Amino acid sequence: MAPAGQVLVIACGALAREITALKRANVWEHLTVTCLAPELHNRPERITGAVLAAIDEAKSQGFERIVVGYADCGTGGELDRALAPLGIERLPGAHCYEFYASTRQFEALHEAEPGTFYLTDFLVRHFDRLVFASLGLDRHPQLAAEYFRHYTRVVYLRQAPDAGLEEGAAKAAAALGLPLQVVDTGYGDLRTTLADWTTRTGIGVVAESAAH
């Protein structure tokens, strides 16, 4: 059974490292995190069903307070329609790029160059598997020019400074034949939303995160 007073975050696996870092930095001891497979990013039609199954499992374990660590993530509003009758909240925005950068900054980036391919820390770490290999570019690299012919740049929305990740982002952009722009976002609305959830559910923030 779930420990009394715990709040469960059912999150995308692509956020596991970041949510864990925020939980540790803020001493959110009453926050429990469970993550679904990050590969669901490539199959958004399966996200809602996977989240609902995780909610059912959590309730069977005795969790009474549940939130969802997904944005819309390509579900076309289906996730919201499923969560609304349950009274369960999710992360703001259409996708992780928006809640990391904030809606205002993301809209500015999109309006400046709609043909932008976005990376996060997670996607840089797993670019070869989730992007390059999934598109078959490891076998047919010449297809990159066709797949990305309408793109004009890569924007790396960086959560935490890391020389290795910046190098990885540069390699990813080079593999796609696009220039790279690095934008430091920190944890953005992921941090503020988690803080809000913990406050409103009575957990209380012991220490403010130093991450921005």
N, C-alpha and C. Protein backbone atom coordinates (compact mmCIF):
# COMPACT_ATOMS: atom_id res chain seq x y z
N MET A 1 0.84 -1.20 0.00
CA MET A 1 0.00 0.00 0.00
C MET A 1 0.87 1.25 0.00
N ALA A 2 0.32 2.32 -0.57
CA ALA A 2 1.06 3.58 -0.63
C ALA A 2 1.21 4.18 0.76
N PRO A 3 2.39 4.74 1.07
CA PRO A 3 2.56 5.42 2.35
C PRO A 3 1.59 6.58 2.48
N ALA A 4 1.10 6.83 3.65
CA ALA A 4 0.14 7.91 3.88
C ALA A 4 0.75 9.25 3.50
N GLY A 5 -0.05 10.07 2.84
CA GLY A 5 0.37 11.43 2.53
C GLY A 5 1.22 11.57 1.29
N GLN A 6 1.51 10.47 0.60
CA GLN A 6 2.33 10.55 -0.59
C GLN A 6 1.53 11.07 -1.78
N VAL A 7 2.17 11.90 -2.59
CA VAL A 7 1.61 12.33 -3.87
C VAL A 7 2.37 11.61 -4.96
N LEU A 8 1.66 10.98 -5.85
CA LEU A 8 2.28 10.22 -6.93
C LEU A 8 2.29 11.05 -8.22
N VAL A 9 3.46 11.17 -8.83
CA VAL A 9 3.59 11.76 -10.15
C VAL A 9 3.80 10.63 -11.16
N ILE A 10 2.85 10.48 -12.07
CA ILE A 10 3.00 9.51 -13.16
C ILE A 10 3.57 10.29 -14.34
N ALA A 11 4.84 10.03 -14.64
CA ALA A 11 5.57 10.91 -15.55
C ALA A 11 6.11 10.19 -16.77
N CYS A 12 6.38 10.97 -17.79
CA CYS A 12 7.09 10.48 -18.96
C CYS A 12 8.51 10.11 -18.54
N GLY A 13 9.01 9.00 -19.03
CA GLY A 13 10.36 8.58 -18.71
C GLY A 13 11.42 9.58 -19.12
N ALA A 14 11.09 10.45 -20.08
CA ALA A 14 12.04 11.48 -20.51
C ALA A 14 12.27 12.54 -19.44
N LEU A 15 11.43 12.55 -18.40
CA LEU A 15 11.55 13.55 -17.33
C LEU A 15 12.10 12.94 -16.05
N ALA A 16 12.43 11.68 -16.05
CA ALA A 16 12.82 10.99 -14.81
C ALA A 16 14.00 11.66 -14.13
N ARG A 17 15.06 11.95 -14.88
CA ARG A 17 16.26 12.54 -14.29
C ARG A 17 15.95 13.93 -13.72
N GLU A 18 15.18 14.72 -14.47
CA GLU A 18 14.90 16.10 -14.06
C GLU A 18 13.99 16.15 -12.83
N ILE A 19 12.93 15.33 -12.81
CA ILE A 19 12.04 15.31 -11.66
C ILE A 19 12.77 14.81 -10.42
N THR A 20 13.61 13.81 -10.59
CA THR A 20 14.39 13.30 -9.46
C THR A 20 15.32 14.37 -8.92
N ALA A 21 15.96 15.13 -9.82
CA ALA A 21 16.85 16.21 -9.39
C ALA A 21 16.10 17.28 -8.63
N LEU A 22 14.92 17.64 -9.09
CA LEU A 22 14.10 18.64 -8.41
C LEU A 22 13.61 18.13 -7.06
N LYS A 23 13.21 16.88 -7.01
CA LYS A 23 12.75 16.30 -5.75
C LYS A 23 13.85 16.33 -4.71
N ARG A 24 15.06 15.97 -5.13
CA ARG A 24 16.20 15.95 -4.21
C ARG A 24 16.57 17.36 -3.76
N ALA A 25 16.63 18.30 -4.71
CA ALA A 25 17.05 19.66 -4.39
C ALA A 25 16.07 20.37 -3.46
N ASN A 26 14.78 20.06 -3.62
CA ASN A 26 13.75 20.72 -2.83
C ASN A 26 13.32 19.93 -1.60
N VAL A 27 13.90 18.76 -1.40
CA VAL A 27 13.55 17.87 -0.29
C VAL A 27 12.04 17.60 -0.29
N TRP A 28 11.53 17.25 -1.46
CA TRP A 28 10.11 16.88 -1.56
C TRP A 28 9.98 15.41 -1.19
N GLU A 29 10.07 15.14 0.10
CA GLU A 29 10.12 13.76 0.56
C GLU A 29 8.80 13.02 0.39
N HIS A 30 7.72 13.75 0.24
CA HIS A 30 6.41 13.10 0.12
C HIS A 30 5.96 12.98 -1.33
N LEU A 31 6.93 13.16 -2.25
CA LEU A 31 6.63 13.02 -3.68
C LEU A 31 7.17 11.68 -4.16
N THR A 32 6.29 10.86 -4.69
CA THR A 32 6.68 9.58 -5.28
C THR A 32 6.56 9.71 -6.79
N VAL A 33 7.54 9.19 -7.51
CA VAL A 33 7.56 9.32 -8.96
C VAL A 33 7.60 7.94 -9.60
N THR A 34 6.73 7.72 -10.56
CA THR A 34 6.80 6.52 -11.39
C THR A 34 6.79 6.97 -12.84
N CYS A 35 7.62 6.35 -13.66
CA CYS A 35 7.78 6.82 -15.04
C CYS A 35 7.38 5.75 -16.05
N LEU A 36 6.74 6.20 -17.11
CA LEU A 36 6.38 5.33 -18.22
C LEU A 36 7.48 5.38 -19.27
N ALA A 37 7.47 4.43 -20.17
CA ALA A 37 8.53 4.31 -21.17
C ALA A 37 8.66 5.58 -22.01
N PRO A 38 9.86 6.14 -22.14
CA PRO A 38 10.02 7.34 -22.97
C PRO A 38 9.73 7.10 -24.44
N GLU A 39 9.76 5.83 -24.88
CA GLU A 39 9.47 5.52 -26.27
C GLU A 39 8.03 5.88 -26.66
N LEU A 40 7.17 6.10 -25.64
CA LEU A 40 5.80 6.54 -25.95
C LEU A 40 5.79 7.86 -26.68
N HIS A 41 6.88 8.64 -26.58
CA HIS A 41 7.00 9.88 -27.35
C HIS A 41 6.77 9.63 -28.83
N ASN A 42 7.21 8.47 -29.30
CA ASN A 42 7.08 8.15 -30.72
C ASN A 42 5.73 7.53 -31.07
N ARG A 43 4.93 7.24 -30.05
CA ARG A 43 3.60 6.66 -30.27
C ARG A 43 2.58 7.39 -29.38
N PRO A 44 2.33 8.68 -29.66
CA PRO A 44 1.46 9.46 -28.78
C PRO A 44 0.04 8.91 -28.64
N GLU A 45 -0.39 8.13 -29.62
CA GLU A 45 -1.73 7.56 -29.52
C GLU A 45 -1.83 6.54 -28.39
N ARG A 46 -0.70 6.11 -27.86
CA ARG A 46 -0.69 5.14 -26.76
C ARG A 46 -0.52 5.79 -25.38
N ILE A 47 -0.24 7.08 -25.36
CA ILE A 47 0.07 7.73 -24.09
C ILE A 47 -1.13 7.71 -23.14
N THR A 48 -2.30 8.12 -23.61
CA THR A 48 -3.47 8.21 -22.73
C THR A 48 -3.79 6.87 -22.09
N GLY A 49 -3.81 5.81 -22.89
CA GLY A 49 -4.11 4.49 -22.34
C GLY A 49 -3.09 4.06 -21.31
N ALA A 50 -1.81 4.36 -21.57
CA ALA A 50 -0.76 3.98 -20.62
C ALA A 50 -0.90 4.77 -19.32
N VAL A 51 -1.24 6.04 -19.42
CA VAL A 51 -1.41 6.87 -18.22
C VAL A 51 -2.61 6.38 -17.42
N LEU A 52 -3.72 6.10 -18.08
CA LEU A 52 -4.91 5.63 -17.37
C LEU A 52 -4.66 4.29 -16.68
N ALA A 53 -3.90 3.42 -17.34
CA ALA A 53 -3.57 2.13 -16.71
C ALA A 53 -2.70 2.36 -15.47
N ALA A 54 -1.79 3.32 -15.56
CA ALA A 54 -0.93 3.62 -14.40
C ALA A 54 -1.74 4.24 -13.27
N ILE A 55 -2.74 5.05 -13.61
CA ILE A 55 -3.61 5.64 -12.59
C ILE A 55 -4.40 4.54 -11.87
N ASP A 56 -4.95 3.61 -12.64
CA ASP A 56 -5.69 2.50 -12.04
C ASP A 56 -4.79 1.69 -11.10
N GLU A 57 -3.57 1.43 -11.53
CA GLU A 57 -2.64 0.68 -10.70
C GLU A 57 -2.31 1.45 -9.42
N ALA A 58 -2.10 2.77 -9.58
CA ALA A 58 -1.78 3.59 -8.41
C ALA A 58 -2.92 3.60 -7.40
N LYS A 59 -4.13 3.70 -7.90
CA LYS A 59 -5.28 3.69 -6.99
C LYS A 59 -5.40 2.35 -6.27
N SER A 60 -5.08 1.28 -6.97
CA SER A 60 -5.15 -0.04 -6.33
C SER A 60 -4.10 -0.19 -5.24
N GLN A 61 -3.03 0.62 -5.34
CA GLN A 61 -1.98 0.61 -4.33
C GLN A 61 -2.26 1.57 -3.18
N GLY A 62 -3.37 2.32 -3.30
CA GLY A 62 -3.77 3.20 -2.22
C GLY A 62 -3.39 4.66 -2.37
N PHE A 63 -2.83 5.05 -3.53
CA PHE A 63 -2.52 6.47 -3.75
C PHE A 63 -3.82 7.25 -3.95
N GLU A 64 -3.99 8.28 -3.16
CA GLU A 64 -5.19 9.11 -3.26
C GLU A 64 -4.92 10.41 -4.00
N ARG A 65 -3.66 10.85 -4.01
CA ARG A 65 -3.30 12.11 -4.66
C ARG A 65 -2.35 11.80 -5.82
N ILE A 66 -2.82 12.02 -7.03
CA ILE A 66 -2.09 11.65 -8.23
C ILE A 66 -2.06 12.85 -9.19
N VAL A 67 -0.91 13.10 -9.78
CA VAL A 67 -0.78 14.10 -10.83
C VAL A 67 -0.02 13.45 -11.98
N VAL A 68 -0.10 14.08 -13.16
CA VAL A 68 0.47 13.46 -14.36
C VAL A 68 1.59 14.33 -14.92
N GLY A 69 2.77 13.74 -15.03
CA GLY A 69 3.94 14.45 -15.56
C GLY A 69 4.06 14.32 -17.06
N TYR A 70 3.01 14.70 -17.75
CA TYR A 70 2.99 14.79 -19.21
C TYR A 70 2.38 16.13 -19.59
N ALA A 71 2.84 16.72 -20.68
CA ALA A 71 2.09 17.78 -21.34
C ALA A 71 1.08 17.07 -22.26
N ASP A 72 0.52 17.77 -23.23
CA ASP A 72 -0.39 17.08 -24.16
C ASP A 72 0.37 16.03 -24.96
N CYS A 73 1.59 16.35 -25.35
CA CYS A 73 2.51 15.38 -25.96
C CYS A 73 1.94 14.66 -27.18
N GLY A 74 1.21 15.41 -28.01
CA GLY A 74 0.73 14.85 -29.26
C GLY A 74 -0.53 14.04 -29.16
N THR A 75 -1.21 14.09 -28.01
CA THR A 75 -2.45 13.31 -27.87
C THR A 75 -3.66 14.04 -28.43
N GLY A 76 -3.47 15.27 -28.87
CA GLY A 76 -4.58 16.02 -29.47
C GLY A 76 -5.73 16.29 -28.53
N GLY A 77 -5.42 16.48 -27.24
CA GLY A 77 -6.46 16.76 -26.25
C GLY A 77 -7.06 15.52 -25.63
N GLU A 78 -6.69 14.34 -26.14
CA GLU A 78 -7.26 13.10 -25.60
C GLU A 78 -6.88 12.91 -24.14
N LEU A 79 -5.64 13.24 -23.80
CA LEU A 79 -5.20 13.08 -22.41
C LEU A 79 -6.02 13.97 -21.48
N ASP A 80 -6.25 15.21 -21.88
CA ASP A 80 -7.05 16.12 -21.06
C ASP A 80 -8.48 15.59 -20.89
N ARG A 81 -9.05 15.09 -21.97
CA ARG A 81 -10.43 14.59 -21.88
C ARG A 81 -10.52 13.38 -20.96
N ALA A 82 -9.47 12.59 -20.90
CA ALA A 82 -9.47 11.42 -20.02
C ALA A 82 -9.25 11.81 -18.56
N LEU A 83 -8.42 12.84 -18.33
CA LEU A 83 -8.08 13.22 -16.97
C LEU A 83 -9.14 14.10 -16.31
N ALA A 84 -9.87 14.87 -17.12
CA ALA A 84 -10.84 15.83 -16.56
C ALA A 84 -11.86 15.17 -15.63
N PRO A 85 -12.51 14.06 -16.02
CA PRO A 85 -13.49 13.46 -15.10
C PRO A 85 -12.87 12.92 -13.82
N LEU A 86 -11.56 12.67 -13.86
CA LEU A 86 -10.87 12.12 -12.69
C LEU A 86 -10.36 13.22 -11.76
N GLY A 87 -10.41 14.46 -12.25
CA GLY A 87 -9.91 15.58 -11.44
C GLY A 87 -8.40 15.55 -11.27
N ILE A 88 -7.70 15.00 -12.26
CA ILE A 88 -6.24 14.87 -12.18
C ILE A 88 -5.59 15.87 -13.13
N GLU A 89 -4.59 16.59 -12.62
CA GLU A 89 -3.89 17.60 -13.40
C GLU A 89 -2.69 17.03 -14.13
N ARG A 90 -2.29 17.72 -15.19
CA ARG A 90 -1.07 17.37 -15.92
C ARG A 90 -0.18 18.61 -16.03
N LEU A 91 1.01 18.43 -16.57
CA LEU A 91 1.92 19.55 -16.80
C LEU A 91 1.35 20.49 -17.85
N PRO A 92 1.69 21.77 -17.80
CA PRO A 92 1.13 22.73 -18.75
C PRO A 92 1.77 22.60 -20.13
N GLY A 93 1.03 23.07 -21.14
CA GLY A 93 1.59 23.20 -22.47
C GLY A 93 1.35 22.01 -23.37
N ALA A 94 1.86 22.16 -24.59
CA ALA A 94 1.66 21.14 -25.61
C ALA A 94 2.70 20.03 -25.54
N HIS A 95 3.88 20.35 -25.03
CA HIS A 95 4.98 19.38 -25.02
C HIS A 95 6.06 19.88 -24.07
N CYS A 96 7.09 19.05 -23.89
CA CYS A 96 8.14 19.41 -22.94
C CYS A 96 8.92 20.63 -23.38
N TYR A 97 9.03 20.88 -24.68
CA TYR A 97 9.74 22.06 -25.16
C TYR A 97 9.07 23.32 -24.63
N GLU A 98 7.74 23.29 -24.60
CA GLU A 98 7.01 24.48 -24.14
C GLU A 98 7.14 24.68 -22.64
N PHE A 99 7.02 23.60 -21.85
CA PHE A 99 7.09 23.85 -20.40
C PHE A 99 8.51 24.08 -19.92
N TYR A 100 9.51 23.60 -20.65
CA TYR A 100 10.88 23.96 -20.29
C TYR A 100 11.17 25.41 -20.62
N ALA A 101 10.81 25.83 -21.82
CA ALA A 101 11.14 27.19 -22.26
C ALA A 101 10.18 28.24 -21.73
N SER A 102 8.99 27.83 -21.30
CA SER A 102 7.83 28.66 -20.97
C SER A 102 7.10 28.98 -22.27
N THR A 103 5.80 29.15 -22.18
CA THR A 103 4.99 29.36 -23.37
C THR A 103 5.45 30.59 -24.15
N ARG A 104 5.73 31.66 -23.45
CA ARG A 104 6.12 32.90 -24.14
C ARG A 104 7.42 32.71 -24.93
N GLN A 105 8.43 32.13 -24.30
CA GLN A 105 9.70 31.97 -24.99
C GLN A 105 9.59 30.96 -26.13
N PHE A 106 8.84 29.88 -25.91
CA PHE A 106 8.70 28.89 -26.98
C PHE A 106 7.98 29.50 -28.18
N GLU A 107 6.92 30.25 -27.93
CA GLU A 107 6.20 30.88 -29.04
C GLU A 107 7.10 31.85 -29.80
N ALA A 108 7.96 32.56 -29.09
CA ALA A 108 8.89 33.47 -29.75
C ALA A 108 9.88 32.70 -30.63
N LEU A 109 10.38 31.59 -30.12
CA LEU A 109 11.31 30.76 -30.90
C LEU A 109 10.61 30.20 -32.13
N HIS A 110 9.38 29.74 -31.96
CA HIS A 110 8.64 29.16 -33.08
C HIS A 110 8.30 30.21 -34.13
N GLU A 111 7.89 31.37 -33.68
CA GLU A 111 7.54 32.42 -34.64
C GLU A 111 8.77 32.92 -35.40
N ALA A 112 9.91 32.93 -34.74
CA ALA A 112 11.14 33.39 -35.40
C ALA A 112 11.55 32.43 -36.51
N GLU A 113 11.46 31.13 -36.23
CA GLU A 113 11.82 30.11 -37.23
C GLU A 113 10.96 28.87 -37.00
N PRO A 114 9.84 28.78 -37.74
CA PRO A 114 8.96 27.62 -37.56
C PRO A 114 9.66 26.30 -37.85
N GLY A 115 10.64 26.31 -38.73
CA GLY A 115 11.34 25.09 -39.09
C GLY A 115 12.45 24.77 -38.12
N THR A 116 12.10 24.62 -36.85
CA THR A 116 13.10 24.35 -35.81
C THR A 116 12.93 22.95 -35.26
N PHE A 117 14.04 22.24 -35.15
CA PHE A 117 14.05 20.93 -34.50
C PHE A 117 14.59 21.12 -33.10
N TYR A 118 13.82 20.68 -32.10
CA TYR A 118 14.18 20.94 -30.71
C TYR A 118 14.82 19.73 -30.05
N LEU A 119 15.78 20.03 -29.18
CA LEU A 119 16.41 19.02 -28.34
C LEU A 119 16.30 19.45 -26.88
N THR A 120 16.24 18.48 -25.99
CA THR A 120 16.34 18.70 -24.55
C THR A 120 17.55 17.89 -24.06
N ASP A 121 17.88 18.01 -22.79
CA ASP A 121 18.97 17.19 -22.25
C ASP A 121 18.72 15.71 -22.52
N PHE A 122 17.49 15.27 -22.30
CA PHE A 122 17.15 13.87 -22.51
C PHE A 122 17.36 13.47 -23.97
N LEU A 123 16.87 14.28 -24.87
CA LEU A 123 16.98 13.93 -26.29
C LEU A 123 18.42 13.96 -26.79
N VAL A 124 19.23 14.83 -26.22
CA VAL A 124 20.65 14.81 -26.58
C VAL A 124 21.27 13.49 -26.13
N ARG A 125 20.97 13.09 -24.90
CA ARG A 125 21.54 11.85 -24.37
C ARG A 125 21.13 10.64 -25.21
N HIS A 126 19.91 10.67 -25.73
CA HIS A 126 19.38 9.49 -26.42
C HIS A 126 19.10 9.75 -27.89
N PHE A 127 19.79 10.73 -28.46
CA PHE A 127 19.55 11.12 -29.85
C PHE A 127 19.77 9.95 -30.80
N ASP A 128 20.87 9.23 -30.62
CA ASP A 128 21.19 8.15 -31.55
C ASP A 128 20.08 7.10 -31.59
N ARG A 129 19.51 6.79 -30.43
CA ARG A 129 18.48 5.75 -30.37
C ARG A 129 17.10 6.26 -30.76
N LEU A 130 16.70 7.39 -30.18
CA LEU A 130 15.32 7.86 -30.34
C LEU A 130 15.09 8.64 -31.63
N VAL A 131 16.12 9.23 -32.18
CA VAL A 131 15.96 10.01 -33.42
C VAL A 131 16.68 9.33 -34.57
N PHE A 132 17.99 9.22 -34.47
CA PHE A 132 18.78 8.74 -35.60
C PHE A 132 18.38 7.32 -36.00
N ALA A 133 18.38 6.41 -35.03
CA ALA A 133 18.06 5.01 -35.35
C ALA A 133 16.59 4.82 -35.69
N SER A 134 15.71 5.51 -34.95
CA SER A 134 14.27 5.32 -35.19
C SER A 134 13.86 5.77 -36.58
N LEU A 135 14.59 6.73 -37.14
CA LEU A 135 14.31 7.20 -38.50
C LEU A 135 15.09 6.43 -39.56
N GLY A 136 15.91 5.50 -39.10
CA GLY A 136 16.70 4.71 -40.04
C GLY A 136 17.92 5.42 -40.57
N LEU A 137 18.29 6.53 -39.95
CA LEU A 137 19.41 7.31 -40.46
C LEU A 137 20.75 6.66 -40.15
N ASP A 138 20.76 5.74 -39.18
CA ASP A 138 22.00 5.00 -38.92
C ASP A 138 22.34 4.08 -40.08
N ARG A 139 21.31 3.65 -40.81
CA ARG A 139 21.51 2.78 -41.97
C ARG A 139 21.53 3.55 -43.28
N HIS A 140 20.78 4.64 -43.30
CA HIS A 140 20.67 5.43 -44.53
C HIS A 140 20.83 6.91 -44.21
N PRO A 141 22.03 7.37 -43.86
CA PRO A 141 22.23 8.76 -43.45
C PRO A 141 21.86 9.78 -44.52
N GLN A 142 21.84 9.35 -45.76
CA GLN A 142 21.50 10.27 -46.84
C GLN A 142 20.05 10.74 -46.76
N LEU A 143 19.22 10.00 -46.00
CA LEU A 143 17.81 10.38 -45.88
C LEU A 143 17.62 11.62 -45.01
N ALA A 144 18.64 12.01 -44.23
CA ALA A 144 18.52 13.19 -43.37
C ALA A 144 18.18 14.43 -44.17
N ALA A 145 18.77 14.55 -45.35
CA ALA A 145 18.52 15.73 -46.18
C ALA A 145 17.05 15.80 -46.60
N GLU A 146 16.42 14.63 -46.79
CA GLU A 146 15.01 14.61 -47.17
C GLU A 146 14.10 14.81 -45.96
N TYR A 147 14.38 14.10 -44.88
CA TYR A 147 13.56 14.22 -43.69
C TYR A 147 13.54 15.65 -43.14
N PHE A 148 14.67 16.31 -43.21
CA PHE A 148 14.82 17.61 -42.55
C PHE A 148 14.98 18.77 -43.53
N ARG A 149 14.51 18.59 -44.76
CA ARG A 149 14.72 19.63 -45.77
C ARG A 149 13.93 20.90 -45.48
N HIS A 150 12.88 20.81 -44.66
CA HIS A 150 12.11 22.01 -44.32
C HIS A 150 12.54 22.62 -42.99
N TYR A 151 13.54 22.03 -42.36
CA TYR A 151 14.06 22.57 -41.11
C TYR A 151 15.21 23.53 -41.39
N THR A 152 15.31 24.53 -40.53
CA THR A 152 16.35 25.55 -40.72
C THR A 152 17.37 25.59 -39.60
N ARG A 153 17.07 24.99 -38.45
CA ARG A 153 18.00 25.02 -37.34
C ARG A 153 17.62 23.97 -36.30
N VAL A 154 18.57 23.70 -35.40
CA VAL A 154 18.33 22.90 -34.20
C VAL A 154 18.46 23.84 -33.00
N VAL A 155 17.47 23.82 -32.12
CA VAL A 155 17.55 24.58 -30.88
C VAL A 155 17.63 23.59 -29.73
N TYR A 156 18.71 23.67 -28.99
CA TYR A 156 18.90 22.83 -27.81
C TYR A 156 18.44 23.60 -26.59
N LEU A 157 17.30 23.19 -26.02
CA LEU A 157 16.77 23.78 -24.80
C LEU A 157 17.46 23.08 -23.64
N ARG A 158 18.45 23.75 -23.07
CA ARG A 158 19.33 23.10 -22.10
C ARG A 158 18.81 23.27 -20.67
N GLN A 159 18.67 22.13 -19.97
CA GLN A 159 18.20 22.18 -18.59
C GLN A 159 19.34 22.47 -17.61
N ALA A 160 20.51 21.90 -17.86
CA ALA A 160 21.64 22.09 -16.95
C ALA A 160 22.92 22.13 -17.76
N PRO A 161 23.82 23.08 -17.48
CA PRO A 161 25.07 23.16 -18.22
C PRO A 161 25.87 21.86 -18.13
N ASP A 162 26.31 21.38 -19.27
CA ASP A 162 27.08 20.14 -19.31
C ASP A 162 27.85 20.14 -20.62
N ALA A 163 29.17 20.20 -20.54
CA ALA A 163 29.99 20.29 -21.74
C ALA A 163 29.79 19.08 -22.64
N GLY A 164 29.61 17.92 -22.03
CA GLY A 164 29.40 16.72 -22.83
C GLY A 164 28.10 16.75 -23.61
N LEU A 165 27.05 17.28 -22.99
CA LEU A 165 25.77 17.37 -23.68
C LEU A 165 25.82 18.43 -24.78
N GLU A 166 26.51 19.53 -24.53
CA GLU A 166 26.63 20.55 -25.58
C GLU A 166 27.36 19.98 -26.80
N GLU A 167 28.38 19.20 -26.52
CA GLU A 167 29.10 18.54 -27.62
C GLU A 167 28.18 17.57 -28.34
N GLY A 168 27.37 16.83 -27.57
CA GLY A 168 26.42 15.90 -28.19
C GLY A 168 25.39 16.61 -29.03
N ALA A 169 24.91 17.77 -28.57
CA ALA A 169 23.94 18.55 -29.34
C ALA A 169 24.56 19.03 -30.65
N ALA A 170 25.83 19.44 -30.59
CA ALA A 170 26.53 19.89 -31.79
C ALA A 170 26.66 18.76 -32.81
N LYS A 171 26.95 17.56 -32.30
CA LYS A 171 27.06 16.40 -33.19
C LYS A 171 25.70 16.06 -33.80
N ALA A 172 24.64 16.16 -32.99
CA ALA A 172 23.30 15.88 -33.50
C ALA A 172 22.92 16.85 -34.60
N ALA A 173 23.19 18.13 -34.37
CA ALA A 173 22.88 19.15 -35.39
C ALA A 173 23.68 18.90 -36.66
N ALA A 174 24.95 18.55 -36.50
CA ALA A 174 25.79 18.27 -37.67
C ALA A 174 25.26 17.07 -38.45
N ALA A 175 24.78 16.06 -37.72
CA ALA A 175 24.23 14.87 -38.38
C ALA A 175 23.00 15.21 -39.21
N LEU A 176 22.26 16.23 -38.78
CA LEU A 176 21.06 16.66 -39.51
C LEU A 176 21.37 17.74 -40.53
N GLY A 177 22.62 18.20 -40.53
CA GLY A 177 23.02 19.24 -41.48
C GLY A 177 22.42 20.58 -41.18
N LEU A 178 22.23 20.90 -39.87
CA LEU A 178 21.59 22.14 -39.47
C LEU A 178 22.45 22.89 -38.46
N PRO A 179 22.34 24.23 -38.43
CA PRO A 179 23.05 25.00 -37.41
C PRO A 179 22.40 24.81 -36.05
N LEU A 180 23.21 24.99 -35.00
CA LEU A 180 22.75 24.78 -33.63
C LEU A 180 22.67 26.08 -32.87
N GLN A 181 21.57 26.25 -32.12
CA GLN A 181 21.44 27.35 -31.16
C GLN A 181 21.15 26.74 -29.80
N VAL A 182 21.88 27.17 -28.78
CA VAL A 182 21.68 26.68 -27.42
C VAL A 182 20.93 27.73 -26.61
N VAL A 183 19.84 27.33 -25.99
CA VAL A 183 19.03 28.23 -25.16
C VAL A 183 18.94 27.62 -23.76
N ASP A 184 19.45 28.33 -22.77
CA ASP A 184 19.40 27.85 -21.39
C ASP A 184 18.01 28.12 -20.80
N THR A 185 17.30 27.06 -20.47
CA THR A 185 15.95 27.20 -19.93
C THR A 185 15.87 26.79 -18.46
N GLY A 186 16.83 26.01 -17.97
CA GLY A 186 16.66 25.39 -16.67
C GLY A 186 15.48 24.43 -16.73
N TYR A 187 14.80 24.27 -15.61
CA TYR A 187 13.67 23.35 -15.55
C TYR A 187 12.33 24.03 -15.86
N GLY A 188 12.36 25.37 -16.02
CA GLY A 188 11.18 26.09 -16.47
C GLY A 188 9.92 25.79 -15.68
N ASP A 189 8.83 25.57 -16.42
CA ASP A 189 7.54 25.33 -15.78
C ASP A 189 7.43 23.94 -15.17
N LEU A 190 8.37 23.05 -15.47
CA LEU A 190 8.39 21.77 -14.75
C LEU A 190 8.65 22.03 -13.28
N ARG A 191 9.61 22.88 -12.98
CA ARG A 191 9.94 23.20 -11.58
C ARG A 191 8.79 23.91 -10.90
N THR A 192 8.25 24.95 -11.54
CA THR A 192 7.20 25.73 -10.89
C THR A 192 5.91 24.93 -10.71
N THR A 193 5.60 24.05 -11.66
CA THR A 193 4.39 23.25 -11.54
C THR A 193 4.52 22.22 -10.43
N LEU A 194 5.67 21.56 -10.36
CA LEU A 194 5.88 20.59 -9.27
C LEU A 194 5.82 21.29 -7.91
N ALA A 195 6.42 22.48 -7.84
CA ALA A 195 6.38 23.23 -6.58
C ALA A 195 4.94 23.58 -6.21
N ASP A 196 4.17 23.97 -7.22
CA ASP A 196 2.76 24.30 -6.97
C ASP A 196 1.99 23.07 -6.51
N TRP A 197 2.22 21.95 -7.16
CA TRP A 197 1.52 20.73 -6.77
C TRP A 197 1.85 20.34 -5.33
N THR A 198 3.12 20.42 -4.97
CA THR A 198 3.49 20.03 -3.61
C THR A 198 2.89 20.97 -2.58
N THR A 199 2.84 22.27 -2.90
CA THR A 199 2.28 23.24 -1.97
C THR A 199 0.78 23.03 -1.79
N ARG A 200 0.07 22.87 -2.91
CA ARG A 200 -1.39 22.73 -2.84
C ARG A 200 -1.84 21.40 -2.27
N THR A 201 -0.96 20.41 -2.30
CA THR A 201 -1.34 19.12 -1.72
C THR A 201 -0.85 18.99 -0.28
N GLY A 202 -0.33 20.08 0.26
CA GLY A 202 -0.01 20.10 1.67
C GLY A 202 1.34 19.55 2.03
N ILE A 203 2.21 19.37 1.02
CA ILE A 203 3.53 18.83 1.34
C ILE A 203 4.44 19.92 1.87
N GLY A 204 4.44 21.04 1.18
CA GLY A 204 5.30 22.12 1.63
C GLY A 204 6.71 21.96 1.10
N VAL A 205 7.28 23.03 0.61
CA VAL A 205 8.62 22.99 0.06
C VAL A 205 9.60 23.33 1.16
N VAL A 206 10.53 22.44 1.42
CA VAL A 206 11.49 22.64 2.50
C VAL A 206 12.60 23.58 2.07
N ALA A 207 13.05 23.43 0.83
CA ALA A 207 14.13 24.27 0.34
C ALA A 207 13.89 24.58 -1.12
N GLU A 208 14.01 25.83 -1.52
CA GLU A 208 13.82 26.21 -2.91
C GLU A 208 14.96 25.67 -3.75
N SER A 209 14.63 25.18 -4.93
CA SER A 209 15.67 24.65 -5.82
C SER A 209 16.57 25.75 -6.29
N ALA A 210 17.85 25.41 -6.39
CA ALA A 210 18.81 26.37 -6.95
C ALA A 210 18.85 26.27 -8.46
N ALA A 211 18.15 25.27 -9.00
CA ALA A 211 18.16 25.12 -10.46
C ALA A 211 17.19 26.08 -11.09
N HIS A 212 17.59 26.68 -12.21
CA HIS A 212 16.73 27.61 -12.95
C HIS A 212 16.75 27.23 -14.42
